[in-house]
PDB file of all heavy atoms in Angstrom:
ATOM      1  N   GLN A   1     113.874  99.085  94.156  1.00  0.00           N
ATOM      2  CA  GLN A   1     113.326 100.315  94.538  1.00  0.00           C
ATOM      3  C   GLN A   1     114.332 101.290  95.070  1.00  0.00           C
ATOM      4  O   GLN A   1     115.433 100.955  95.365  1.00  0.00           O
ATOM      5  CB  GLN A   1     112.170 100.060  95.620  1.00  0.00           C
ATOM      6  CG  GLN A   1     110.977  99.307  95.101  1.00  0.00           C
ATOM      7  CD  GLN A   1     109.987  99.112  96.205  1.00  0.00           C
ATOM      8  OE1 GLN A   1     110.345  98.979  97.402  1.00  0.00           O
ATOM      9  NE2 GLN A   1     108.725  99.040  95.869  1.00  0.00           N
ATOM     10  N   SER A   2     113.849 102.556  95.186  1.00  0.00           N
ATOM     11  CA  SER A   2     114.653 103.593  95.901  1.00  0.00           C
ATOM     12  C   SER A   2     114.500 103.437  97.388  1.00  0.00           C
ATOM     13  O   SER A   2     113.560 102.755  97.835  1.00  0.00           O
ATOM     14  CB  SER A   2     114.208 104.968  95.406  1.00  0.00           C
ATOM     15  OG  SER A   2     114.737 105.942  96.293  1.00  0.00           O
ATOM     16  N   ASP A   3     115.343 104.057  98.157  1.00  0.00           N
ATOM     17  CA  ASP A   3     115.144 104.054  99.594  1.00  0.00           C
ATOM     18  C   ASP A   3     113.873 104.802 100.038  1.00  0.00           C
ATOM     19  O   ASP A   3     113.409 104.710 101.144  1.00  0.00           O
ATOM     20  CB  ASP A   3     116.361 104.560 100.314  1.00  0.00           C
ATOM     21  CG  ASP A   3     116.699 106.035  99.966  1.00  0.00           C
ATOM     22  OD1 ASP A   3     116.316 106.390  98.793  1.00  0.00           O
ATOM     23  OD2 ASP A   3     117.284 106.765 100.737  1.00  0.00           O
ATOM     24  N   VAL A   4     113.387 105.692  99.128  1.00  0.00           N
ATOM     25  CA  VAL A   4     112.194 106.479  99.378  1.00  0.00           C
ATOM     26  C   VAL A   4     111.084 105.926  98.435  1.00  0.00           C
ATOM     27  O   VAL A   4     111.246 106.176  97.198  1.00  0.00           O
ATOM     28  CB  VAL A   4     112.361 107.997  99.191  1.00  0.00           C
ATOM     29  CG1 VAL A   4     111.093 108.715  99.444  1.00  0.00           C
ATOM     30  CG2 VAL A   4     113.485 108.468 100.129  1.00  0.00           C
ATOM     31  N   HIS A   5     110.121 105.265  98.961  1.00  0.00           N
ATOM     32  CA  HIS A   5     109.085 104.767  98.063  1.00  0.00           C
ATOM     33  C   HIS A   5     107.783 104.508  98.882  1.00  0.00           C
ATOM     34  O   HIS A   5     107.760 104.475 100.072  1.00  0.00           O
ATOM     35  CB  HIS A   5     109.458 103.432  97.408  1.00  0.00           C
ATOM     36  CG  HIS A   5     109.859 102.353  98.458  1.00  0.00           C
ATOM     37  ND1 HIS A   5     111.151 102.233  98.872  1.00  0.00           N
ATOM     38  CD2 HIS A   5     109.079 101.455  99.122  1.00  0.00           C
ATOM     39  CE1 HIS A   5     111.149 101.260  99.792  1.00  0.00           C
ATOM     40  NE2 HIS A   5     109.963 100.731  99.940  1.00  0.00           N
ATOM     41  N   SER A   6     106.641 104.557  98.133  1.00  0.00           N
ATOM     42  CA  SER A   6     105.379 104.357  98.828  1.00  0.00           C
ATOM     43  C   SER A   6     105.085 102.827  98.973  1.00  0.00           C
ATOM     44  O   SER A   6     105.810 102.009  98.416  1.00  0.00           O
ATOM     45  CB  SER A   6     104.197 105.006  98.016  1.00  0.00           C
ATOM     46  OG  SER A   6     104.012 104.281  96.825  1.00  0.00           O
ATOM     47  N   ASP A   7     104.010 102.513  99.707  1.00  0.00           N
ATOM     48  CA  ASP A   7     103.657 101.101  99.871  1.00  0.00           C
ATOM     49  C   ASP A   7     102.544 100.662  98.924  1.00  0.00           C
ATOM     50  O   ASP A   7     101.944  99.617  99.006  1.00  0.00           O
ATOM     51  CB  ASP A   7     103.182 100.857 101.326  1.00  0.00           C
ATOM     52  CG  ASP A   7     101.987 101.660 101.722  1.00  0.00           C
ATOM     53  OD1 ASP A   7     101.571 102.539 100.861  1.00  0.00           O
ATOM     54  OD2 ASP A   7     101.448 101.481 102.833  1.00  0.00           O
ATOM     55  N   GLU A   8     102.304 101.545  97.860  1.00  0.00           N
ATOM     56  CA  GLU A   8     101.278 101.240  96.811  1.00  0.00           C
ATOM     57  C   GLU A   8     101.558  99.888  96.157  1.00  0.00           C
ATOM     58  O   GLU A   8     100.627  99.012  95.996  1.00  0.00           O
ATOM     59  CB  GLU A   8     101.201 102.319  95.776  1.00  0.00           C
ATOM     60  CG  GLU A   8     100.212 102.005  94.681  1.00  0.00           C
ATOM     61  CD  GLU A   8     100.258 102.991  93.445  1.00  0.00           C
ATOM     62  OE1 GLU A   8     101.235 103.776  93.452  1.00  0.00           O
ATOM     63  OE2 GLU A   8      99.423 102.860  92.551  1.00  0.00           O
ATOM     64  N   THR A   9     102.847  99.703  95.717  1.00  0.00           N
ATOM     65  CA  THR A   9     103.183  98.503  94.969  1.00  0.00           C
ATOM     66  C   THR A   9     102.977  97.277  95.850  1.00  0.00           C
ATOM     67  O   THR A   9     102.355  96.253  95.436  1.00  0.00           O
ATOM     68  CB  THR A   9     104.631  98.545  94.534  1.00  0.00           C
ATOM     69  OG1 THR A   9     104.837  99.745  93.841  1.00  0.00           O
ATOM     70  CG2 THR A   9     104.959  97.361  93.643  1.00  0.00           C
ATOM     71  N   HIS A  10     103.387  97.292  97.074  1.00  0.00           N
ATOM     72  CA  HIS A  10     103.287  96.218  98.010  1.00  0.00           C
ATOM     73  C   HIS A  10     101.811  95.836  98.212  1.00  0.00           C
ATOM     74  O   HIS A  10     101.474  94.594  98.152  1.00  0.00           O
ATOM     75  CB  HIS A  10     103.912  96.587  99.369  1.00  0.00           C
ATOM     76  CG  HIS A  10     103.772  95.544 100.359  1.00  0.00           C
ATOM     77  ND1 HIS A  10     104.579  94.375 100.423  1.00  0.00           N
ATOM     78  CD2 HIS A  10     102.925  95.365 101.414  1.00  0.00           C
ATOM     79  CE1 HIS A  10     104.238  93.598 101.431  1.00  0.00           C
ATOM     80  NE2 HIS A  10     103.205  94.152 102.036  1.00  0.00           N
ATOM     81  N   LYS A  11     100.965  96.824  98.349  1.00  0.00           N
ATOM     82  CA  LYS A  11      99.518  96.539  98.632  1.00  0.00           C
ATOM     83  C   LYS A  11      98.866  95.827  97.367  1.00  0.00           C
ATOM     84  O   LYS A  11      98.111  94.917  97.540  1.00  0.00           O
ATOM     85  CB  LYS A  11      98.822  97.783  98.960  1.00  0.00           C
ATOM     86  CG  LYS A  11      99.099  98.388 100.356  1.00  0.00           C
ATOM     87  CD  LYS A  11      98.351  99.674 100.583  1.00  0.00           C
ATOM     88  CE  LYS A  11      98.595 100.167 101.980  1.00  0.00           C
ATOM     89  NZ  LYS A  11      97.970 101.464 102.215  1.00  0.00           N
ATOM     90  N   LEU A  12      99.239  96.343  96.179  1.00  0.00           N
ATOM     91  CA  LEU A  12      98.681  95.792  94.963  1.00  0.00           C
ATOM     92  C   LEU A  12      99.187  94.369  94.783  1.00  0.00           C
ATOM     93  O   LEU A  12      98.383  93.476  94.318  1.00  0.00           O
ATOM     94  CB  LEU A  12      99.090  96.675  93.745  1.00  0.00           C
ATOM     95  CG  LEU A  12      98.441  98.038  93.656  1.00  0.00           C
ATOM     96  CD1 LEU A  12      99.062  98.894  92.591  1.00  0.00           C
ATOM     97  CD2 LEU A  12      96.907  97.900  93.387  1.00  0.00           C
ATOM     98  N   MET A  13     100.475  94.109  95.036  1.00  0.00           N
ATOM     99  CA  MET A  13     100.989  92.744  94.836  1.00  0.00           C
ATOM    100  C   MET A  13     100.366  91.808  95.868  1.00  0.00           C
ATOM    101  O   MET A  13     100.051  90.669  95.490  1.00  0.00           O
ATOM    102  CB  MET A  13     102.480  92.834  95.003  1.00  0.00           C
ATOM    103  CG  MET A  13     103.280  93.656  93.977  1.00  0.00           C
ATOM    104  SD  MET A  13     103.309  92.932  92.363  1.00  0.00           S
ATOM    105  CE  MET A  13     104.568  91.692  92.594  1.00  0.00           C
ATOM    106  N   GLU A  14     100.235  92.230  97.068  1.00  0.00           N
ATOM    107  CA  GLU A  14      99.602  91.390  98.077  1.00  0.00           C
ATOM    108  C   GLU A  14      98.167  91.082  97.736  1.00  0.00           C
ATOM    109  O   GLU A  14      97.715  89.933  98.005  1.00  0.00           O
ATOM    110  CB  GLU A  14      99.686  92.087  99.486  1.00  0.00           C
ATOM    111  CG  GLU A  14     101.090  92.137 100.063  1.00  0.00           C
ATOM    112  CD  GLU A  14     101.581  90.790 100.468  1.00  0.00           C
ATOM    113  OE1 GLU A  14     100.824  90.028 101.119  1.00  0.00           O
ATOM    114  OE2 GLU A  14     102.737  90.436 100.148  1.00  0.00           O
ATOM    115  N   ALA A  15      97.495  92.052  97.210  1.00  0.00           N
ATOM    116  CA  ALA A  15      96.038  91.839  96.875  1.00  0.00           C
ATOM    117  C   ALA A  15      95.917  90.737  95.799  1.00  0.00           C
ATOM    118  O   ALA A  15      94.923  89.985  95.871  1.00  0.00           O
ATOM    119  CB  ALA A  15      95.436  93.147  96.338  1.00  0.00           C
ATOM    120  N   LYS A  16      96.863  90.659  94.885  1.00  0.00           N
ATOM    121  CA  LYS A  16      96.834  89.639  93.866  1.00  0.00           C
ATOM    122  C   LYS A  16      97.574  88.340  94.266  1.00  0.00           C
ATOM    123  O   LYS A  16      97.629  87.386  93.446  1.00  0.00           O
ATOM    124  CB  LYS A  16      97.494  90.231  92.569  1.00  0.00           C
ATOM    125  CG  LYS A  16      96.636  91.333  91.914  1.00  0.00           C
ATOM    126  CD  LYS A  16      95.331  90.794  91.381  1.00  0.00           C
ATOM    127  CE  LYS A  16      94.551  91.932  90.674  1.00  0.00           C
ATOM    128  NZ  LYS A  16      93.228  91.486  90.215  1.00  0.00           N
ATOM    129  N   LYS A  17      98.131  88.394  95.453  1.00  0.00           N
ATOM    130  CA  LYS A  17      98.847  87.234  96.034  1.00  0.00           C
ATOM    131  C   LYS A  17      99.960  86.809  95.088  1.00  0.00           C
ATOM    132  O   LYS A  17     100.161  85.578  94.877  1.00  0.00           O
ATOM    133  CB  LYS A  17      97.851  86.026  96.273  1.00  0.00           C
ATOM    134  CG  LYS A  17      96.752  86.377  97.294  1.00  0.00           C
ATOM    135  CD  LYS A  17      95.832  85.226  97.538  1.00  0.00           C
ATOM    136  CE  LYS A  17      94.791  85.587  98.598  1.00  0.00           C
ATOM    137  NZ  LYS A  17      93.848  84.470  98.884  1.00  0.00           N
ATOM    138  N   LEU A  18     100.710  87.794  94.596  1.00  0.00           N
ATOM    139  CA  LEU A  18     101.844  87.474  93.699  1.00  0.00           C
ATOM    140  C   LEU A  18     103.095  87.281  94.572  1.00  0.00           C
ATOM    141  O   LEU A  18     103.353  88.036  95.554  1.00  0.00           O
ATOM    142  CB  LEU A  18     102.085  88.617  92.783  1.00  0.00           C
ATOM    143  CG  LEU A  18     100.894  88.867  91.743  1.00  0.00           C
ATOM    144  CD1 LEU A  18     101.218  90.093  90.944  1.00  0.00           C
ATOM    145  CD2 LEU A  18     100.701  87.617  90.867  1.00  0.00           C
ATOM    146  N   VAL A  19     103.895  86.268  94.205  1.00  0.00           N
ATOM    147  CA  VAL A  19     105.128  85.995  94.905  1.00  0.00           C
ATOM    148  C   VAL A  19     106.156  87.088  94.500  1.00  0.00           C
ATOM    149  O   VAL A  19     106.494  87.170  93.278  1.00  0.00           O
ATOM    150  CB  VAL A  19     105.661  84.606  94.601  1.00  0.00           C
ATOM    151  CG1 VAL A  19     106.964  84.368  95.307  1.00  0.00           C
ATOM    152  CG2 VAL A  19     104.681  83.551  94.975  1.00  0.00           C
ATOM    153  N   HIS A  20     106.647  87.844  95.454  1.00  0.00           N
ATOM    154  CA  HIS A  20     107.500  88.934  95.063  1.00  0.00           C
ATOM    155  C   HIS A  20     108.448  89.308  96.209  1.00  0.00           C
ATOM    156  O   HIS A  20     108.170  89.070  97.397  1.00  0.00           O
ATOM    157  CB  HIS A  20     106.672  90.181  94.703  1.00  0.00           C
ATOM    158  CG  HIS A  20     105.998  90.837  95.838  1.00  0.00           C
ATOM    159  ND1 HIS A  20     104.854  90.323  96.402  1.00  0.00           N
ATOM    160  CD2 HIS A  20     106.189  91.985  96.500  1.00  0.00           C
ATOM    161  CE1 HIS A  20     104.431  91.076  97.344  1.00  0.00           C
ATOM    162  NE2 HIS A  20     105.232  92.099  97.440  1.00  0.00           N
ATOM    163  N   THR A  21     109.554  90.025  95.845  1.00  0.00           N
ATOM    164  CA  THR A  21     110.494  90.526  96.852  1.00  0.00           C
ATOM    165  C   THR A  21     110.798  91.978  96.441  1.00  0.00           C
ATOM    166  O   THR A  21     111.161  92.239  95.310  1.00  0.00           O
ATOM    167  CB  THR A  21     111.820  89.722  96.756  1.00  0.00           C
ATOM    168  OG1 THR A  21     111.518  88.353  97.046  1.00  0.00           O
ATOM    169  CG2 THR A  21     112.764  90.296  97.868  1.00  0.00           C
ATOM    170  N   GLU A  22     110.555  92.896  97.386  1.00  0.00           N
ATOM    171  CA  GLU A  22     110.885  94.281  97.203  1.00  0.00           C
ATOM    172  C   GLU A  22     112.292  94.531  97.866  1.00  0.00           C
ATOM    173  O   GLU A  22     112.519  94.089  98.971  1.00  0.00           O
ATOM    174  CB  GLU A  22     109.899  95.184  97.848  1.00  0.00           C
ATOM    175  CG  GLU A  22     108.513  94.974  97.229  1.00  0.00           C
ATOM    176  CD  GLU A  22     107.361  95.538  98.144  1.00  0.00           C
ATOM    177  OE1 GLU A  22     107.466  96.677  98.510  1.00  0.00           O
ATOM    178  OE2 GLU A  22     106.493  94.707  98.493  1.00  0.00           O
ATOM    179  N   CYS A  23     113.141  95.203  97.140  1.00  0.00           N
ATOM    180  CA  CYS A  23     114.478  95.495  97.676  1.00  0.00           C
ATOM    181  C   CYS A  23     114.972  96.840  97.294  1.00  0.00           C
ATOM    182  O   CYS A  23     114.573  97.380  96.224  1.00  0.00           O
ATOM    183  CB  CYS A  23     115.512  94.415  97.210  1.00  0.00           C
ATOM    184  SG  CYS A  23     115.696  94.395  95.394  1.00  0.00           S
ATOM    185  N   VAL A  24     115.800  97.478  98.137  1.00  0.00           N
ATOM    186  CA  VAL A  24     116.382  98.781  97.832  1.00  0.00           C
ATOM    187  C   VAL A  24     117.716  98.538  97.065  1.00  0.00           C
ATOM    188  O   VAL A  24     118.513  97.857  97.552  1.00  0.00           O
ATOM    189  CB  VAL A  24     116.613  99.589  99.125  1.00  0.00           C
ATOM    190  CG1 VAL A  24     117.309 100.844  98.840  1.00  0.00           C
ATOM    191  CG2 VAL A  24     115.296  99.837  99.865  1.00  0.00           C
ATOM    192  N   MET A  25     117.839  99.217  95.903  1.00  0.00           N
ATOM    193  CA  MET A  25     118.991  99.115  95.140  1.00  0.00           C
ATOM    194  C   MET A  25     119.695 100.479  94.929  1.00  0.00           C
ATOM    195  O   MET A  25     120.839 100.536  94.541  1.00  0.00           O
ATOM    196  CB  MET A  25     118.736  98.444  93.795  1.00  0.00           C
ATOM    197  CG  MET A  25     118.553  96.954  93.880  1.00  0.00           C
ATOM    198  SD  MET A  25     118.640  96.172  92.250  1.00  0.00           S
ATOM    199  CE  MET A  25     118.675  94.420  92.701  1.00  0.00           C
ATOM    200  N   TYR A  26     118.918 101.532  95.176  1.00  0.00           N
ATOM    201  CA  TYR A  26     119.511 102.872  94.923  1.00  0.00           C
ATOM    202  C   TYR A  26     118.863 103.850  95.929  1.00  0.00           C
ATOM    203  O   TYR A  26     117.817 103.641  96.498  1.00  0.00           O
ATOM    204  CB  TYR A  26     119.356 103.321  93.558  1.00  0.00           C
ATOM    205  CG  TYR A  26     117.970 103.268  92.965  1.00  0.00           C
ATOM    206  CD1 TYR A  26     117.187 104.436  92.875  1.00  0.00           C
ATOM    207  CD2 TYR A  26     117.347 102.089  92.546  1.00  0.00           C
ATOM    208  CE1 TYR A  26     115.842 104.350  92.364  1.00  0.00           C
ATOM    209  CE2 TYR A  26     116.124 102.045  92.036  1.00  0.00           C
ATOM    210  CZ  TYR A  26     115.352 103.140  91.962  1.00  0.00           C
ATOM    211  OH  TYR A  26     114.034 103.111  91.512  1.00  0.00           O
ATOM    212  N   ARG A  27     119.437 105.010  96.136  1.00  0.00           N
ATOM    213  CA  ARG A  27     118.935 105.991  97.056  1.00  0.00           C
ATOM    214  C   ARG A  27     119.063 107.436  96.489  1.00  0.00           C
ATOM    215  O   ARG A  27     119.972 107.700  95.675  1.00  0.00           O
ATOM    216  CB  ARG A  27     119.579 105.867  98.403  1.00  0.00           C
ATOM    217  CG  ARG A  27     121.130 106.048  98.290  1.00  0.00           C
ATOM    218  CD  ARG A  27     121.781 106.024  99.658  1.00  0.00           C
ATOM    219  NE  ARG A  27     123.180 105.736  99.576  1.00  0.00           N
ATOM    220  CZ  ARG A  27     123.805 104.618 100.015  1.00  0.00           C
ATOM    221  NH1 ARG A  27     123.098 103.701 100.760  1.00  0.00           N
ATOM    222  NH2 ARG A  27     125.094 104.394  99.853  1.00  0.00           N
ATOM    223  N   THR A  28     118.271 108.293  97.017  1.00  0.00           N
ATOM    224  CA  THR A  28     118.268 109.707  96.655  1.00  0.00           C
ATOM    225  C   THR A  28     119.049 110.450  97.723  1.00  0.00           C
ATOM    226  O   THR A  28     118.798 110.367  98.949  1.00  0.00           O
ATOM    227  CB  THR A  28     116.880 110.290  96.590  1.00  0.00           C
ATOM    228  OG1 THR A  28     116.108 109.512  95.587  1.00  0.00           O
ATOM    229  CG2 THR A  28     116.859 111.700  96.158  1.00  0.00           C
ATOM    230  N   VAL A  29     120.054 111.232  97.274  1.00  0.00           N
ATOM    231  CA  VAL A  29     120.898 111.995  98.234  1.00  0.00           C
ATOM    232  C   VAL A  29     120.958 113.460  97.773  1.00  0.00           C
ATOM    233  O   VAL A  29     120.745 113.785  96.610  1.00  0.00           O
ATOM    234  CB  VAL A  29     122.345 111.496  98.358  1.00  0.00           C
ATOM    235  CG1 VAL A  29     122.300 110.048  98.919  1.00  0.00           C
ATOM    236  CG2 VAL A  29     123.057 111.508  96.985  1.00  0.00           C
ATOM    237  N   SER A  30     121.296 114.359  98.698  1.00  0.00           N
ATOM    238  CA  SER A  30     121.430 115.812  98.375  1.00  0.00           C
ATOM    239  C   SER A  30     122.602 116.011  97.450  1.00  0.00           C
ATOM    240  O   SER A  30     123.638 115.404  97.589  1.00  0.00           O
ATOM    241  CB  SER A  30     121.592 116.555  99.682  1.00  0.00           C
ATOM    242  OG  SER A  30     121.696 117.914  99.427  1.00  0.00           O
ATOM    243  N   ASN A  31     122.397 116.924  96.496  1.00  0.00           N
ATOM    244  CA  ASN A  31     123.440 117.339  95.582  1.00  0.00           C
ATOM    245  C   ASN A  31     123.812 118.781  95.869  1.00  0.00           C
ATOM    246  O   ASN A  31     123.054 119.669  95.617  1.00  0.00           O
ATOM    247  CB  ASN A  31     123.007 117.140  94.112  1.00  0.00           C
ATOM    248  CG  ASN A  31     124.112 117.404  93.137  1.00  0.00           C
ATOM    249  OD1 ASN A  31     125.299 117.128  93.382  1.00  0.00           O
ATOM    250  ND2 ASN A  31     123.761 117.904  91.917  1.00  0.00           N
ATOM    251  N   GLU A  32     124.984 119.004  96.513  1.00  0.00           N
ATOM    252  CA  GLU A  32     125.309 120.359  97.007  1.00  0.00           C
ATOM    253  C   GLU A  32     125.524 121.330  95.859  1.00  0.00           C
ATOM    254  O   GLU A  32     126.028 121.003  94.809  1.00  0.00           O
ATOM    255  CB  GLU A  32     126.593 120.244  97.891  1.00  0.00           C
ATOM    256  CG  GLU A  32     126.396 119.486  99.175  1.00  0.00           C
ATOM    257  CD  GLU A  32     127.623 119.529 100.038  1.00  0.00           C
ATOM    258  OE1 GLU A  32     128.604 120.196  99.680  1.00  0.00           O
ATOM    259  OE2 GLU A  32     127.615 118.901 101.097  1.00  0.00           O
ATOM    260  N   PHE A  33     125.101 122.554  96.155  1.00  0.00           N
ATOM    261  CA  PHE A  33     125.302 123.672  95.215  1.00  0.00           C
ATOM    262  C   PHE A  33     126.825 124.029  95.284  1.00  0.00           C
ATOM    263  O   PHE A  33     127.379 124.068  96.344  1.00  0.00           O
ATOM    264  CB  PHE A  33     124.510 124.897  95.567  1.00  0.00           C
ATOM    265  CG  PHE A  33     124.481 125.958  94.510  1.00  0.00           C
ATOM    266  CD1 PHE A  33     123.727 125.717  93.370  1.00  0.00           C
ATOM    267  CD2 PHE A  33     125.254 127.051  94.632  1.00  0.00           C
ATOM    268  CE1 PHE A  33     123.652 126.735  92.371  1.00  0.00           C
ATOM    269  CE2 PHE A  33     125.175 128.059  93.625  1.00  0.00           C
ATOM    270  CZ  PHE A  33     124.423 127.857  92.523  1.00  0.00           C
ATOM    271  N   PRO A  34     127.504 124.189  94.113  1.00  0.00           N
ATOM    272  CA  PRO A  34     128.946 124.441  94.091  1.00  0.00           C
ATOM    273  C   PRO A  34     129.387 125.637  95.046  1.00  0.00           C
ATOM    274  O   PRO A  34     128.800 126.709  95.000  1.00  0.00           O
ATOM    275  CB  PRO A  34     129.221 124.867  92.623  1.00  0.00           C
ATOM    276  CG  PRO A  34     128.095 124.208  91.865  1.00  0.00           C
ATOM    277  CD  PRO A  34     126.903 124.301  92.762  1.00  0.00           C
TER     278      PRO A  34
END
């Protein structure tokens, strides 16, 4: 996942009792105007 994400996925996975791991692999950063 991104560092910015909702908890929708977590709730759906928990509801189905699926074994899972959520992890942050990338992030959104500001891109400066030249």
